[in-house]
Amino acid sequence: MDTSRTPSAPSGLRISGLLALAVERAAPVVRALPGDAGRLGAPTPCADYDVRALVNHLFHVVVQFQELAAKRDSDFSETPDYLAEHGADWRERLLGEADRLVVAWGEPGADEGTTGAMDMPAETVGCMVLLDLTVHAWDLARASGQEYAQGDPEGDPVVTRLTAAVEAMAPMARKMGVFGEAVPVDEARASAFERLLASTGRDPYWMPDRARAARE
């Protein structure tokens, strides 16, 4: 993985500013997620996760990357069942942690130096949580029949930053099984966001009905 410092987006926004945009876009998706067991068990564009498992994964990422922002150790050895832990309040609890994530990455020095067990550049680590928050919010929107409100189709600062970050991370991420192989898209017609999704191994045109049919 290329661990050089990721270039700043043209907007000049720091990781915390980009995370704030990502949280703003994720919030309506999270608040509209279903709570019944049947729909929480629905498939998502992440083949290894149903909706419930993906929410728990994203919740854990948001919590643990606060630790990484503070240059403390993170623990991904086990993912708690946050939905069971927080009951009916899990949506607002998740969004509250997401707001704390933004604050944590806005602290002086959070995106400088290195952090984590691999001593990676902090800005690269910040891009990792920005990517998770962005693509998993899209995953959950698509799985639950919602629209994901992205920004400018070609000039969005989150997508601009993540496109550069994913290009640097992709070879090692695919080797580690974090990304799938890039999904072919029509480069002339696909938006920058669709191309970003495809580069992580997602089908940007994924639909729940097709996933269910494939499982039957």
C-alpha atoms as a PDB file:
ATOM      1  CA  MET A   1       0.000   0.000   0.000  1.00  0.00           C
ATOM      2  CA  ASP A   2       1.246   3.451  -0.837  1.00  0.00           C
ATOM      3  CA  THR A   3       1.503   5.142   2.553  1.00  0.00           C
ATOM      4  CA  SER A   4       2.516   8.553   1.245  1.00  0.00           C
ATOM      5  CA  ARG A   5       0.425  11.520   2.362  1.00  0.00           C
ATOM      6  CA  THR A   6      -2.843  11.679   0.439  1.00  0.00           C
ATOM      7  CA  PRO A   7      -3.166  14.971  -1.486  1.00  0.00           C
ATOM      8  CA  SER A   8      -5.739  17.431  -0.213  1.00  0.00           C
ATOM      9  CA  ALA A   9      -8.989  17.757  -2.134  1.00  0.00           C
ATOM     10  CA  PRO A  10      -9.353  20.879  -4.320  1.00  0.00           C
ATOM     11  CA  SER A  11     -11.754  22.299  -1.717  1.00  0.00           C
ATOM     12  CA  GLY A  12      -8.944  22.318   0.842  1.00  0.00           C
ATOM     13  CA  LEU A  13     -11.182  20.505   3.350  1.00  0.00           C
ATOM     14  CA  ARG A  14      -9.441  18.483   6.039  1.00  0.00           C
ATOM     15  CA  ILE A  15     -10.529  14.934   6.807  1.00  0.00           C
ATOM     16  CA  SER A  16     -12.857  16.244   9.533  1.00  0.00           C
ATOM     17  CA  GLY A  17     -14.658  18.503   7.055  1.00  0.00           C
ATOM     18  CA  LEU A  18     -15.047  15.667   4.584  1.00  0.00           C
ATOM     19  CA  LEU A  19     -16.313  13.385   7.355  1.00  0.00           C
ATOM     20  CA  ALA A  20     -18.885  16.019   8.298  1.00  0.00           C
ATOM     21  CA  LEU A  21     -20.205  15.920   4.717  1.00  0.00           C
ATOM     22  CA  ALA A  22     -20.286  12.116   4.782  1.00  0.00           C
ATOM     23  CA  VAL A  23     -22.192  12.087   8.089  1.00  0.00           C
ATOM     24  CA  GLU A  24     -24.698  14.614   6.748  1.00  0.00           C
ATOM     25  CA  ARG A  25     -25.386  12.319   3.789  1.00  0.00           C
ATOM     26  CA  ALA A  26     -25.516   9.164   5.904  1.00  0.00           C
ATOM     27  CA  ALA A  27     -27.875  10.553   8.558  1.00  0.00           C
ATOM     28  CA  PRO A  28     -31.164  10.356   6.608  1.00  0.00           C
ATOM     29  CA  VAL A  29     -30.287   6.844   5.425  1.00  0.00           C
ATOM     30  CA  VAL A  30     -29.592   5.626   8.975  1.00  0.00           C
ATOM     31  CA  ARG A  31     -32.735   7.246  10.388  1.00  0.00           C
ATOM     32  CA  ALA A  32     -34.895   5.557   7.740  1.00  0.00           C
ATOM     33  CA  LEU A  33     -33.455   2.062   8.199  1.00  0.00           C
ATOM     34  CA  PRO A  34     -36.029  -0.578   9.146  1.00  0.00           C
ATOM     35  CA  GLY A  35     -36.089  -2.119  12.584  1.00  0.00           C
ATOM     36  CA  ASP A  36     -37.915  -5.393  11.970  1.00  0.00           C
ATOM     37  CA  ALA A  37     -35.906  -8.603  11.882  1.00  0.00           C
ATOM     38  CA  GLY A  38     -36.964  -9.507   8.363  1.00  0.00           C
ATOM     39  CA  ARG A  39     -35.689  -6.348   6.728  1.00  0.00           C
ATOM     40  CA  LEU A  40     -32.603  -6.185   8.956  1.00  0.00           C
ATOM     41  CA  GLY A  41     -31.763  -9.584   7.469  1.00  0.00           C
ATOM     42  CA  ALA A  42     -31.954  -8.281   3.898  1.00  0.00           C
ATOM     43  CA  PRO A  43     -28.875  -8.551   1.644  1.00  0.00           C
ATOM     44  CA  THR A  44     -26.602  -5.591   0.934  1.00  0.00           C
ATOM     45  CA  PRO A  45     -24.070  -4.852  -1.811  1.00  0.00           C
ATOM     46  CA  CYS A  46     -21.455  -6.212   0.637  1.00  0.00           C
ATOM     47  CA  ALA A  47     -21.933  -9.942   0.082  1.00  0.00           C
ATOM     48  CA  ASP A  48     -20.663 -10.848   3.571  1.00  0.00           C
ATOM     49  CA  TYR A  49     -23.136  -8.589   5.391  1.00  0.00           C
ATOM     50  CA  ASP A  50     -26.871  -8.337   5.732  1.00  0.00           C
ATOM     51  CA  VAL A  51     -28.314  -4.986   6.857  1.00  0.00           C
ATOM     52  CA  ARG A  52     -27.998  -5.740  10.577  1.00  0.00           C
ATOM     53  CA  ALA A  53     -24.405  -6.975  10.305  1.00  0.00           C
ATOM     54  CA  LEU A  54     -23.424  -4.002   8.169  1.00  0.00           C
ATOM     55  CA  VAL A  55     -24.923  -1.523  10.647  1.00  0.00           C
ATOM     56  CA  ASN A  56     -22.995  -3.208  13.464  1.00  0.00           C
ATOM     57  CA  HIS A  57     -19.815  -3.127  11.368  1.00  0.00           C
ATOM     58  CA  LEU A  58     -20.221   0.562  10.534  1.00  0.00           C
ATOM     59  CA  PHE A  59     -21.044   1.373  14.162  1.00  0.00           C
ATOM     60  CA  HIS A  60     -17.829  -0.366  15.273  1.00  0.00           C
ATOM     61  CA  VAL A  61     -15.759   1.397  12.627  1.00  0.00           C
ATOM     62  CA  VAL A  62     -17.104   4.797  13.707  1.00  0.00           C
ATOM     63  CA  VAL A  63     -16.267   4.067  17.361  1.00  0.00           C
ATOM     64  CA  GLN A  64     -12.810   2.596  16.801  1.00  0.00           C
ATOM     65  CA  PHE A  65     -11.631   5.253  14.365  1.00  0.00           C
ATOM     66  CA  GLN A  66     -12.208   7.826  17.085  1.00  0.00           C
ATOM     67  CA  GLU A  67      -9.469   6.006  18.973  1.00  0.00           C
ATOM     68  CA  LEU A  68      -7.198   6.107  15.940  1.00  0.00           C
ATOM     69  CA  ALA A  69      -7.758   9.850  15.569  1.00  0.00           C
ATOM     70  CA  ALA A  70      -6.464  10.255  19.122  1.00  0.00           C
ATOM     71  CA  LYS A  71      -3.427   8.055  18.325  1.00  0.00           C
ATOM     72  CA  ARG A  72      -4.742   5.326  20.624  1.00  0.00           C
ATOM     73  CA  ASP A  73      -5.010   1.601  19.873  1.00  0.00           C
ATOM     74  CA  SER A  74      -8.125   0.309  18.134  1.00  0.00           C
ATOM     75  CA  ASP A  75      -9.704  -3.118  18.592  1.00  0.00           C
ATOM     76  CA  PHE A  76     -11.330  -4.855  15.630  1.00  0.00           C
ATOM     77  CA  SER A  77     -10.992  -8.365  17.068  1.00  0.00           C
ATOM     78  CA  GLU A  78     -14.743  -8.607  17.676  1.00  0.00           C
ATOM     79  CA  THR A  79     -17.765  -6.584  16.570  1.00  0.00           C
ATOM     80  CA  PRO A  80     -20.351  -6.050  19.316  1.00  0.00           C
ATOM     81  CA  ASP A  81     -24.070  -6.281  18.581  1.00  0.00           C
ATOM     82  CA  TYR A  82     -24.752  -2.563  18.938  1.00  0.00           C
ATOM     83  CA  LEU A  83     -28.367  -2.922  17.808  1.00  0.00           C
ATOM     84  CA  ALA A  84     -29.118  -5.282  20.678  1.00  0.00           C
ATOM     85  CA  GLU A  85     -27.110  -3.143  23.099  1.00  0.00           C
ATOM     86  CA  HIS A  86     -28.906   0.115  22.304  1.00  0.00           C
ATOM     87  CA  GLY A  87     -32.393  -1.197  21.566  1.00  0.00           C
ATOM     88  CA  ALA A  88     -34.732   1.103  19.648  1.00  0.00           C
ATOM     89  CA  ASP A  89     -32.295   4.021  20.065  1.00  0.00           C
ATOM     90  CA  TRP A  90     -29.532   2.479  17.915  1.00  0.00           C
ATOM     91  CA  ARG A  91     -29.976   4.869  14.965  1.00  0.00           C
ATOM     92  CA  GLU A  92     -29.431   8.035  17.010  1.00  0.00           C
ATOM     93  CA  ARG A  93     -26.645   6.355  18.996  1.00  0.00           C
ATOM     94  CA  LEU A  94     -24.852   5.538  15.745  1.00  0.00           C
ATOM     95  CA  LEU A  95     -25.252   9.094  14.469  1.00  0.00           C
ATOM     96  CA  GLY A  96     -24.085  10.461  17.809  1.00  0.00           C
ATOM     97  CA  GLU A  97     -20.895   8.406  17.498  1.00  0.00           C
ATOM     98  CA  ALA A  98     -20.522   9.628  13.915  1.00  0.00           C
ATOM     99  CA  ASP A  99     -20.667  13.234  15.158  1.00  0.00           C
ATOM    100  CA  ARG A 100     -17.996  12.391  17.738  1.00  0.00           C
ATOM    101  CA  LEU A 101     -15.908  10.898  14.941  1.00  0.00           C
ATOM    102  CA  VAL A 102     -15.985  14.237  13.115  1.00  0.00           C
ATOM    103  CA  VAL A 103     -14.918  16.049  16.285  1.00  0.00           C
ATOM    104  CA  ALA A 104     -12.126  13.548  16.944  1.00  0.00           C
ATOM    105  CA  TRP A 105     -10.631  13.992  13.479  1.00  0.00           C
ATOM    106  CA  GLY A 106     -10.922  17.764  13.824  1.00  0.00           C
ATOM    107  CA  GLU A 107      -8.654  17.880  16.869  1.00  0.00           C
ATOM    108  CA  PRO A 108      -5.233  19.507  16.282  1.00  0.00           C
ATOM    109  CA  GLY A 109      -2.797  16.936  14.892  1.00  0.00           C
ATOM    110  CA  ALA A 110      -5.403  14.200  14.370  1.00  0.00           C
ATOM    111  CA  ASP A 111      -4.641  13.931  10.643  1.00  0.00           C
ATOM    112  CA  GLU A 112      -0.878  14.382  11.087  1.00  0.00           C
ATOM    113  CA  GLY A 113       1.855  11.873  11.890  1.00  0.00           C
ATOM    114  CA  THR A 114       1.055   8.178  12.070  1.00  0.00           C
ATOM    115  CA  THR A 115      -1.549   6.089  13.878  1.00  0.00           C
ATOM    116  CA  GLY A 116      -2.672   2.500  14.284  1.00  0.00           C
ATOM    117  CA  ALA A 117      -0.863  -0.802  14.708  1.00  0.00           C
ATOM    118  CA  MET A 118       0.676  -0.494  11.235  1.00  0.00           C
ATOM    119  CA  ASP A 119       1.933   3.065  11.883  1.00  0.00           C
ATOM    120  CA  MET A 120       0.163   4.313   8.798  1.00  0.00           C
ATOM    121  CA  PRO A 121      -0.056   8.016   7.937  1.00  0.00           C
ATOM    122  CA  ALA A 122      -2.953   9.444   9.935  1.00  0.00           C
ATOM    123  CA  GLU A 123      -4.422  11.108   6.858  1.00  0.00           C
ATOM    124  CA  THR A 124      -4.537   7.743   5.066  1.00  0.00           C
ATOM    125  CA  VAL A 125      -6.301   6.240   8.100  1.00  0.00           C
ATOM    126  CA  GLY A 126      -8.737   9.144   8.021  1.00  0.00           C
ATOM    127  CA  CYS A 127      -9.452   8.391   4.380  1.00  0.00           C
ATOM    128  CA  MET A 128     -10.177   4.793   5.326  1.00  0.00           C
ATOM    129  CA  VAL A 129     -12.969   5.759   7.724  1.00  0.00           C
ATOM    130  CA  LEU A 130     -14.228   8.354   5.245  1.00  0.00           C
ATOM    131  CA  LEU A 131     -14.468   5.583   2.661  1.00  0.00           C
ATOM    132  CA  ASP A 132     -16.305   3.231   5.021  1.00  0.00           C
ATOM    133  CA  LEU A 133     -18.792   5.892   6.059  1.00  0.00           C
ATOM    134  CA  THR A 134     -19.449   6.873   2.448  1.00  0.00           C
ATOM    135  CA  VAL A 135     -19.729   3.493   0.753  1.00  0.00           C
ATOM    136  CA  HIS A 136     -21.499   1.739   3.620  1.00  0.00           C
ATOM    137  CA  ALA A 137     -24.100   4.505   3.782  1.00  0.00           C
ATOM    138  CA  TRP A 138     -24.649   3.886   0.068  1.00  0.00           C
ATOM    139  CA  ASP A 139     -24.762   0.114   0.726  1.00  0.00           C
ATOM    140  CA  LEU A 140     -27.454   0.591   3.379  1.00  0.00           C
ATOM    141  CA  ALA A 141     -29.428   2.995   1.214  1.00  0.00           C
ATOM    142  CA  ARG A 142     -29.423   0.591  -1.703  1.00  0.00           C
ATOM    143  CA  ALA A 143     -30.280  -2.402   0.514  1.00  0.00           C
ATOM    144  CA  SER A 144     -33.258  -0.602   2.063  1.00  0.00           C
ATOM    145  CA  GLY A 145     -34.631   0.985  -1.113  1.00  0.00           C
ATOM    146  CA  GLN A 146     -33.478   4.519  -0.329  1.00  0.00           C
ATOM    147  CA  GLU A 147     -31.704   7.171  -2.361  1.00  0.00           C
ATOM    148  CA  TYR A 148     -28.210   8.178  -1.312  1.00  0.00           C
ATOM    149  CA  ALA A 149     -27.741  11.940  -1.665  1.00  0.00           C
ATOM    150  CA  GLN A 150     -24.300  12.419  -3.205  1.00  0.00           C
ATOM    151  CA  GLY A 151     -22.888  15.812  -4.079  1.00  0.00           C
ATOM    152  CA  ASP A 152     -21.801  17.250  -7.422  1.00  0.00           C
ATOM    153  CA  PRO A 153     -21.599  14.241  -9.801  1.00  0.00           C
ATOM    154  CA  GLU A 154     -18.096  15.178 -10.940  1.00  0.00           C
ATOM    155  CA  GLY A 155     -16.738  17.724  -8.440  1.00  0.00           C
ATOM    156  CA  ASP A 156     -17.740  16.385  -5.031  1.00  0.00           C
ATOM    157  CA  PRO A 157     -14.831  16.852  -2.558  1.00  0.00           C
ATOM    158  CA  VAL A 158     -15.503  13.551  -0.750  1.00  0.00           C
ATOM    159  CA  VAL A 159     -15.428  11.566  -3.993  1.00  0.00           C
ATOM    160  CA  THR A 160     -12.381  13.477  -5.220  1.00  0.00           C
ATOM    161  CA  ARG A 161     -10.407  12.668  -2.074  1.00  0.00           C
ATOM    162  CA  LEU A 162     -11.561   9.066  -1.960  1.00  0.00           C
ATOM    163  CA  THR A 163     -10.797   8.424  -5.628  1.00  0.00           C
ATOM    164  CA  ALA A 164      -7.146   9.301  -5.017  1.00  0.00           C
ATOM    165  CA  ALA A 165      -7.060   7.345  -1.745  1.00  0.00           C
ATOM    166  CA  VAL A 166      -8.620   4.204  -3.224  1.00  0.00           C
ATOM    167  CA  GLU A 167      -6.216   4.265  -6.153  1.00  0.00           C
ATOM    168  CA  ALA A 168      -3.335   4.209  -3.649  1.00  0.00           C
ATOM    169  CA  MET A 169      -4.908   1.613  -1.339  1.00  0.00           C
ATOM    170  CA  ALA A 170      -6.442  -0.749  -3.896  1.00  0.00           C
ATOM    171  CA  PRO A 171      -3.534  -3.145  -4.616  1.00  0.00           C
ATOM    172  CA  MET A 172      -2.949  -3.981  -0.942  1.00  0.00           C
ATOM    173  CA  ALA A 173      -6.673  -3.838  -0.084  1.00  0.00           C
ATOM    174  CA  ARG A 174      -7.453  -6.406  -2.781  1.00  0.00           C
ATOM    175  CA  LYS A 175      -4.615  -8.612  -1.607  1.00  0.00           C
ATOM    176  CA  MET A 176      -6.030  -8.473   1.941  1.00  0.00           C
ATOM    177  CA  GLY A 177      -9.587  -9.125   0.741  1.00  0.00           C
ATOM    178  CA  VAL A 178     -10.860  -5.706   1.841  1.00  0.00           C
ATOM    179  CA  PHE A 179     -11.727  -4.719  -1.744  1.00  0.00           C
ATOM    180  CA  GLY A 180     -13.027  -7.027  -4.430  1.00  0.00           C
ATOM    181  CA  GLU A 181     -11.804  -6.831  -7.983  1.00  0.00           C
ATOM    182  CA  ALA A 182     -12.894  -3.653  -9.722  1.00  0.00           C
ATOM    183  CA  VAL A 183     -16.299  -3.951 -11.401  1.00  0.00           C
ATOM    184  CA  PRO A 184     -16.288  -2.871 -15.065  1.00  0.00           C
ATOM    185  CA  VAL A 185     -18.386   0.227 -15.804  1.00  0.00           C
ATOM    186  CA  ASP A 186     -18.883   2.413 -18.824  1.00  0.00           C
ATOM    187  CA  GLU A 187     -16.207   5.013 -18.101  1.00  0.00           C
ATOM    188  CA  ALA A 188     -17.823   7.530 -20.447  1.00  0.00           C
ATOM    189  CA  ARG A 189     -21.262   7.317 -18.827  1.00  0.00           C
ATOM    190  CA  ALA A 190     -20.579   6.387 -15.187  1.00  0.00           C
ATOM    191  CA  SER A 191     -20.428   9.214 -12.648  1.00  0.00           C
ATOM    192  CA  ALA A 192     -17.328   9.767 -10.512  1.00  0.00           C
ATOM    193  CA  PHE A 193     -19.194   8.232  -7.562  1.00  0.00           C
ATOM    194  CA  GLU A 194     -20.199   5.171  -9.584  1.00  0.00           C
ATOM    195  CA  ARG A 195     -16.589   4.759 -10.692  1.00  0.00           C
ATOM    196  CA  LEU A 196     -15.470   5.006  -7.052  1.00  0.00           C
ATOM    197  CA  LEU A 197     -17.937   2.314  -5.983  1.00  0.00           C
ATOM    198  CA  ALA A 198     -16.821   0.073  -8.841  1.00  0.00           C
ATOM    199  CA  SER A 199     -13.158   0.488  -7.869  1.00  0.00           C
ATOM    200  CA  THR A 200     -13.918  -0.979  -4.422  1.00  0.00           C
ATOM    201  CA  GLY A 201     -15.469  -4.076  -6.010  1.00  0.00           C
ATOM    202  CA  ARG A 202     -19.090  -2.915  -5.765  1.00  0.00           C
ATOM    203  CA  ASP A 203     -21.631  -3.045  -8.553  1.00  0.00           C
ATOM    204  CA  PRO A 204     -22.860   0.571  -8.605  1.00  0.00           C
ATOM    205  CA  TYR A 205     -26.129  -0.652 -10.142  1.00  0.00           C
ATOM    206  CA  TRP A 206     -26.766  -3.342  -7.503  1.00  0.00           C
ATOM    207  CA  MET A 207     -30.413  -3.940  -6.645  1.00  0.00           C
ATOM    208  CA  PRO A 208     -31.859  -6.060  -3.788  1.00  0.00           C
ATOM    209  CA  ASP A 209     -34.124  -8.122  -6.047  1.00  0.00           C
ATOM    210  CA  ARG A 210     -31.179  -9.354  -8.102  1.00  0.00           C
ATOM    211  CA  ALA A 211     -29.300 -10.297  -4.924  1.00  0.00           C
ATOM    212  CA  ARG A 212     -32.269 -12.274  -3.615  1.00  0.00           C
ATOM    213  CA  ALA A 213     -32.668 -14.077  -6.939  1.00  0.00           C
ATOM    214  CA  ALA A 214     -29.011 -15.086  -6.872  1.00  0.00           C
ATOM    215  CA  ARG A 215     -29.447 -16.588  -3.400  1.00  0.00           C
ATOM    216  CA  GLU A 216     -32.487 -18.685  -4.373  1.00  0.00           C
END
